[in-house]
Protein backbone atom coordinates (compact mmCIF):
# COMPACT_ATOMS: atom_id res chain seq x y z
CA UNK A 1 9.86 -22.35 -36.79
CA UNK A 2 9.78 -26.16 -36.75
CA UNK A 3 9.90 -28.38 -33.59
CA UNK A 4 13.51 -29.20 -33.97
CA UNK A 5 14.49 -25.65 -34.59
CA UNK A 6 12.76 -24.46 -31.50
CA UNK A 7 14.55 -27.10 -29.30
CA UNK A 8 17.82 -26.42 -31.06
CA UNK A 9 17.50 -22.64 -30.41
CA UNK A 10 16.25 -23.25 -26.79
CA UNK A 11 19.29 -25.57 -26.04
CA UNK A 12 21.96 -23.18 -27.33
CA UNK A 13 23.58 -22.57 -24.06
CA UNK A 14 23.33 -26.09 -22.84
CA UNK A 15 24.61 -27.36 -26.08
CA UNK A 16 27.71 -25.24 -25.68
CA UNK A 17 28.33 -26.31 -22.09
CA UNK A 18 27.66 -29.99 -22.65
CA UNK A 19 27.49 -31.28 -26.19
CA UNK A 20 30.23 -28.90 -27.38
CA UNK A 21 32.63 -29.76 -24.58
CA UNK A 22 32.02 -33.47 -24.83
CA UNK A 23 32.75 -33.50 -28.58
CA UNK A 24 35.96 -31.54 -28.13
CA UNK A 25 37.09 -33.87 -25.37
CA UNK A 26 36.36 -37.03 -27.33
CA UNK A 27 38.09 -35.77 -30.47
CA UNK A 28 41.20 -34.60 -28.62
CA UNK A 29 42.10 -37.94 -27.17
CA UNK A 30 43.82 -40.78 -29.09
CA UNK A 31 44.89 -43.86 -27.05
CA UNK A 32 44.45 -42.68 -23.39
CA UNK A 33 40.78 -43.61 -22.90
CA UNK A 34 40.91 -43.39 -19.13
CA UNK A 35 42.15 -39.86 -19.25
CA UNK A 36 39.19 -39.03 -21.59
CA UNK A 37 36.65 -40.71 -19.42
CA UNK A 38 37.90 -38.72 -16.43
CA UNK A 39 37.63 -35.47 -18.29
CA UNK A 40 34.16 -36.32 -19.60
CA UNK A 41 33.02 -37.02 -16.07
CA UNK A 42 34.15 -33.73 -14.90
CA UNK A 43 32.43 -31.96 -17.84
CA UNK A 44 29.11 -33.70 -17.03
CA UNK A 45 29.36 -32.76 -13.31
CA UNK A 46 30.01 -29.16 -14.32
CA UNK A 47 27.06 -29.19 -16.61
CA UNK A 48 24.73 -29.99 -13.65
CA UNK A 49 24.17 -33.54 -14.32
CA UNK A 50 25.37 -34.25 -10.80
CA UNK A 51 28.00 -36.69 -9.53
CA UNK A 52 25.79 -39.76 -9.50
CA UNK A 53 24.52 -39.31 -13.00
CA UNK A 54 27.88 -38.32 -14.42
CA UNK A 55 29.52 -41.39 -12.85
CA UNK A 56 26.81 -43.66 -14.20
CA UNK A 57 27.18 -42.28 -17.78
CA UNK A 58 31.01 -42.58 -17.77
CA UNK A 59 30.99 -46.13 -16.29
CA UNK A 60 28.45 -47.35 -18.79
CA UNK A 61 30.62 -45.77 -21.55
CA UNK A 62 33.69 -47.50 -20.21
CA UNK A 63 32.00 -50.84 -20.31
CA UNK A 64 30.66 -50.36 -23.87
CA UNK A 65 33.93 -49.09 -25.20
CA UNK A 66 35.58 -52.30 -24.06
CA UNK A 67 32.70 -54.53 -25.02
CA UNK A 68 32.04 -53.19 -28.42
CA UNK A 69 35.73 -52.44 -29.02
CA UNK A 70 35.06 -48.79 -29.87
CA UNK A 71 38.12 -46.93 -31.18
CA UNK A 72 37.03 -44.09 -33.46
CA UNK A 73 36.06 -40.73 -32.09
CA UNK A 74 32.75 -40.75 -33.94
CA UNK A 75 31.79 -44.22 -32.52
CA UNK A 76 32.42 -43.09 -28.96
CA UNK A 77 30.42 -39.88 -29.48
CA UNK A 78 27.59 -41.93 -30.94
CA UNK A 79 27.80 -44.27 -27.91
CA UNK A 80 27.55 -41.30 -25.52
CA UNK A 81 24.38 -40.02 -27.36
CA UNK A 82 22.88 -43.55 -27.07
CA UNK A 83 23.55 -43.79 -23.34
CA UNK A 84 21.95 -40.44 -22.80
CA UNK A 85 19.01 -41.27 -24.96
CA UNK A 86 18.36 -44.47 -23.07
CA UNK A 87 18.22 -42.39 -19.72
CA UNK A 88 15.72 -39.96 -21.34
CA UNK A 89 13.36 -42.44 -22.93
CA UNK A 90 11.20 -42.11 -19.86
CA UNK A 91 10.36 -38.67 -21.11
CA UNK A 92 8.57 -40.01 -24.17
CA UNK A 93 5.64 -41.53 -22.27
CA UNK A 94 2.44 -40.43 -23.87
CA UNK A 95 -1.08 -40.47 -22.48
CA UNK A 96 -2.76 -43.29 -24.24
CA UNK A 97 -5.42 -44.22 -21.79
CA UNK A 98 -8.04 -41.75 -23.33
CA UNK A 99 -9.49 -41.17 -19.83
CA UNK A 100 -10.30 -37.69 -18.58
CA UNK A 101 -7.30 -36.35 -16.52
CA UNK A 102 -6.87 -34.42 -13.32
CA UNK A 103 -3.47 -32.93 -13.21
CA UNK A 104 -2.14 -31.36 -10.05
CA UNK A 105 0.57 -28.73 -10.89
CA UNK A 106 3.04 -28.16 -8.08
CA UNK A 107 6.38 -26.20 -7.57
CA UNK A 108 7.94 -23.45 -5.60
CA UNK A 109 7.27 -19.82 -6.33
CA UNK A 110 8.98 -18.29 -9.32
CA UNK A 111 9.48 -21.36 -11.41
CA UNK A 112 6.76 -20.39 -13.94
CA UNK A 113 4.02 -22.67 -12.58
CA UNK A 114 0.91 -20.51 -13.35
CA UNK A 115 2.29 -19.65 -16.76
CA UNK A 116 2.79 -23.30 -17.57
CA UNK A 117 -0.77 -24.14 -16.64
CA UNK A 118 -1.96 -21.36 -19.01
CA UNK A 119 0.19 -22.75 -21.85
CA UNK A 120 -0.85 -26.38 -21.12
CA UNK A 121 -4.54 -25.18 -21.28
CA UNK A 122 -4.09 -23.56 -24.54
CA UNK A 123 -2.32 -26.67 -25.87
CA UNK A 124 -5.14 -29.07 -24.70
CA UNK A 125 -7.94 -26.80 -25.92
CA UNK A 126 -6.14 -26.58 -29.34
CA UNK A 127 -6.48 -30.38 -29.44
CA UNK A 128 -10.22 -30.15 -28.92
CA UNK A 129 -10.31 -30.85 -25.26
CA UNK A 130 -12.48 -29.26 -22.64
CA UNK A 131 -10.41 -27.79 -19.85
CA UNK A 132 -11.15 -26.47 -16.40
CA UNK A 133 -8.63 -24.60 -14.29
CA UNK A 134 -8.64 -24.77 -10.45
CA UNK A 135 -7.22 -21.56 -8.85
CA UNK A 136 -5.78 -23.49 -5.93
CA UNK A 137 -2.97 -20.88 -5.18
CA UNK A 138 -5.11 -18.72 -2.80
CA UNK A 139 -2.17 -17.32 -0.83
CA UNK A 140 0.00 -15.45 -3.42
CA UNK A 141 -1.39 -12.09 -4.17
CA UNK A 142 -3.10 -11.84 -7.56
CA UNK A 143 -2.40 -15.59 -8.43
CA UNK A 144 -6.04 -16.09 -9.13
CA UNK A 145 -6.23 -12.98 -11.34
CA UNK A 146 -3.18 -14.25 -13.18
CA UNK A 147 -4.76 -17.68 -13.84
CA UNK A 148 -8.06 -15.98 -14.75
CA UNK A 149 -6.19 -14.02 -17.61
CA UNK A 150 -4.84 -17.29 -18.95
CA UNK A 151 -8.24 -18.88 -18.69
CA UNK A 152 -9.68 -16.16 -20.93
CA UNK A 153 -6.74 -16.23 -23.28
CA UNK A 154 -6.92 -20.07 -23.78
CA UNK A 155 -10.72 -20.44 -23.60
CA UNK A 156 -10.78 -22.56 -20.45
CA UNK A 157 -13.27 -22.52 -17.63
CA UNK A 158 -11.95 -21.49 -14.17
CA UNK A 159 -13.06 -22.17 -10.70
CA UNK A 160 -11.92 -19.51 -8.13
CA UNK A 161 -12.59 -18.65 -4.52
CA UNK A 162 -11.61 -15.52 -2.61
CA UNK A 163 -7.94 -14.90 -1.68
CA UNK A 164 -6.91 -16.90 1.38
CA UNK A 165 -9.60 -19.54 0.96
CA UNK A 166 -8.81 -23.16 1.64
CA UNK A 167 -7.11 -24.56 -1.55
CA UNK A 168 -8.76 -27.95 -0.91
CA UNK A 169 -12.12 -26.40 -1.04
CA UNK A 170 -11.21 -24.85 -4.35
CA UNK A 171 -10.13 -28.16 -5.75
CA UNK A 172 -13.29 -29.79 -4.38
CA UNK A 173 -15.50 -27.40 -6.27
CA UNK A 174 -13.38 -27.68 -9.40
CA UNK A 175 -13.54 -31.47 -9.33
CA UNK A 176 -17.42 -31.40 -9.01
CA UNK A 177 -17.49 -28.85 -11.97
CA UNK A 178 -15.09 -31.15 -14.02
CA UNK A 179 -17.46 -34.05 -13.50
CA UNK A 180 -20.68 -32.05 -14.09
CA UNK A 181 -19.44 -30.32 -17.31
CA UNK A 182 -17.75 -33.33 -18.81
CA UNK A 183 -14.21 -31.87 -18.77
CA UNK A 184 -11.47 -33.78 -20.42
CA UNK A 185 -8.64 -32.08 -18.37
CA UNK A 186 -8.70 -30.49 -14.91
CA UNK A 187 -5.57 -28.47 -14.24
CA UNK A 188 -5.11 -27.56 -10.53
CA UNK A 189 -2.80 -24.74 -9.54
CA UNK A 190 -1.28 -24.90 -6.10
CA UNK A 191 0.53 -22.41 -3.87
CA UNK A 192 4.32 -22.24 -4.23
CA UNK A 193 5.31 -24.92 -1.83
CA UNK A 194 8.44 -24.53 0.11
CA UNK A 195 9.93 -28.02 -0.26
CA UNK A 196 11.26 -27.94 3.38
CA UNK A 197 7.90 -26.88 4.93
CA UNK A 198 6.13 -29.95 6.17
CA UNK A 199 2.84 -28.33 6.87
CA UNK A 200 2.49 -26.98 3.36
CA UNK A 201 3.55 -30.32 2.01
CA UNK A 202 0.93 -32.02 4.00
CA UNK A 203 -1.71 -29.63 2.57
CA UNK A 204 -0.57 -30.77 -0.90
CA UNK A 205 -1.21 -34.33 0.01
CA UNK A 206 -4.64 -33.36 1.25
CA UNK A 207 -5.47 -31.74 -2.18
CA UNK A 208 -4.34 -34.92 -3.87
CA UNK A 209 -6.67 -36.98 -1.70
CA UNK A 210 -9.68 -34.70 -2.60
CA UNK A 211 -9.00 -35.37 -6.21
CA UNK A 212 -8.76 -39.04 -5.83
CA UNK A 213 -11.98 -39.13 -3.88
CA UNK A 214 -14.05 -36.84 -5.96
CA UNK A 215 -12.78 -38.03 -9.52
CA UNK A 216 -12.39 -41.76 -9.14
CA UNK A 217 -12.80 -42.15 -12.86
CA UNK A 218 -10.09 -39.65 -13.80
CA UNK A 219 -6.50 -40.43 -14.40
CA UNK A 220 -4.63 -38.78 -11.62
CA UNK A 221 -1.32 -36.98 -12.50
CA UNK A 222 1.05 -34.74 -10.60
CA UNK A 223 3.47 -32.55 -12.47
CA UNK A 224 6.27 -30.71 -10.83
CA UNK A 225 7.35 -27.55 -12.49
CA UNK A 226 11.08 -26.79 -12.17
CA UNK A 227 13.28 -23.80 -13.18
CA UNK A 228 16.13 -25.22 -15.27
CA UNK A 229 18.20 -22.37 -14.29
CA UNK A 230 18.52 -23.63 -10.73
CA UNK A 231 20.45 -26.72 -11.80
CA UNK A 232 20.97 -29.30 -9.04
CA UNK A 233 18.67 -27.40 -6.64
CA UNK A 234 15.76 -28.48 -9.01
CA UNK A 235 16.81 -31.98 -8.36
CA UNK A 236 16.63 -31.57 -4.60
CA UNK A 237 13.15 -30.01 -5.03
CA UNK A 238 12.04 -32.91 -7.17
CA UNK A 239 13.03 -35.42 -4.52
CA UNK A 240 11.17 -33.66 -1.75
CA UNK A 241 8.03 -33.11 -3.75
CA UNK A 242 8.00 -36.76 -4.89
CA UNK A 243 7.81 -37.90 -1.32
CA UNK A 244 4.28 -36.40 -0.88
CA UNK A 245 2.96 -35.92 -4.30
CA UNK A 246 3.48 -39.26 -6.11
CA UNK A 247 4.85 -37.25 -9.08
CA UNK A 248 4.01 -38.62 -12.66
CA UNK A 249 6.12 -36.10 -14.47
CA UNK A 250 8.19 -32.99 -14.70
CA UNK A 251 7.72 -29.61 -16.55
CA UNK A 252 11.20 -27.86 -16.99
CA UNK A 253 10.81 -24.16 -17.63
CA UNK A 254 13.34 -21.50 -18.73
CA UNK A 255 15.53 -24.14 -20.57
CA UNK A 256 16.37 -21.56 -23.16
CA UNK A 257 17.93 -19.21 -20.63
CA UNK A 258 20.50 -21.57 -19.07
CA UNK A 259 23.61 -23.69 -19.76
CA UNK A 260 22.29 -26.09 -16.98
CA UNK A 261 19.94 -27.97 -19.22
CA UNK A 262 21.86 -31.18 -18.24
CA UNK A 263 19.48 -31.34 -15.30
CA UNK A 264 17.07 -32.92 -17.60
CA UNK A 265 19.26 -36.04 -17.70
CA UNK A 266 19.93 -36.00 -14.02
CA UNK A 267 16.12 -35.89 -13.17
CA UNK A 268 15.40 -38.77 -15.50
CA UNK A 269 18.34 -40.85 -14.29
CA UNK A 270 18.09 -40.35 -10.45
CA UNK A 271 14.33 -40.18 -10.05
CA UNK A 272 13.04 -42.20 -13.07
CA UNK A 273 10.44 -39.41 -13.70
CA UNK A 274 9.38 -38.66 -17.23
CA UNK A 275 10.17 -35.14 -18.55
CA UNK A 276 6.69 -34.14 -19.81
CA UNK A 277 7.20 -30.65 -21.12
CA UNK A 278 10.02 -28.17 -21.61
CA UNK A 279 9.82 -24.46 -21.84
CA UNK A 280 12.10 -22.98 -24.55
CA UNK A 281 10.65 -19.46 -24.77
CA UNK A 282 7.99 -17.00 -23.71
CA UNK A 283 5.37 -17.54 -26.38
CA UNK A 284 2.15 -19.53 -25.68
CA UNK A 285 3.34 -22.37 -27.92
CA UNK A 286 6.90 -22.46 -26.43
CA UNK A 287 5.98 -25.15 -23.84
CA UNK A 288 6.61 -28.18 -25.85
CA UNK A 289 6.14 -31.93 -25.33
CA UNK A 290 9.56 -33.47 -24.48
CA UNK A 291 10.96 -35.62 -27.22
CA UNK A 292 14.13 -37.44 -26.10
CA UNK A 293 15.50 -37.97 -29.72
CA UNK A 294 15.06 -34.32 -30.68
CA UNK A 295 16.52 -33.26 -27.35
CA UNK A 296 19.71 -35.38 -27.76
CA UNK A 297 20.09 -34.44 -31.47
CA UNK A 298 19.87 -30.77 -30.62
CA UNK A 299 22.21 -31.21 -27.64
CA UNK A 300 25.04 -32.57 -29.85
CA UNK A 301 24.12 -30.89 -33.17
């Protein structure tokens, strides 16, 4: 199955709730553009883009219809796609530095964080990179064992301590191992942070400081893993994590199981964070690099 087909299949429910509804609304109106815009805004809000993002899109569309003198249904649909694509362009940022990377993976329990690390590990190794995993989630029972299974499956090295150990100590040892072994990528798992727990969030900031101190020549990144099925709650989590983690990107999992995929647009619009990867299935290669053009095409296809 090709890249576009995977995205298309994964976005089936979202396409029905967003793209399909938008297309029907645009094609059902003739001259009453304001009524059309009001209904579009309501559809976008219901599709979990949120009030702010929905209003931003419809206001931009209103301006462009007037400025470009758009009248035909297909012209208006094309303009909507263009506006959404502009919002999502942040998600096409690629790593072009060539530097080794230390990537801190954060997120609350249950979002697919450890699984995403395993799939990322497999992806990087398939590209010829040397990968080390840091089992920094020392609080959840069997989290280390789960990551160890992914390490064996993908061929990555793993640094583990005993259950209940200091996560910062695990990351410290992993950072030193990454430097000594010439790793290209260090992926650091962390405990499922409750985004309203200040002590746990402070610990996350501590881990980040350890990485920056021990690996000054590495490019530092922090990815937040979010469950697409939670809709606007995912945006709330992202805002809280961004306050302490200096997030550089988002991994959105379970996109194939929800009609709330519009949250992708909301995150890009309200936080300006690039969507790095999207999960569209359970297989090891179903965590895919985000491509804005393919996403929008599949959304309205």
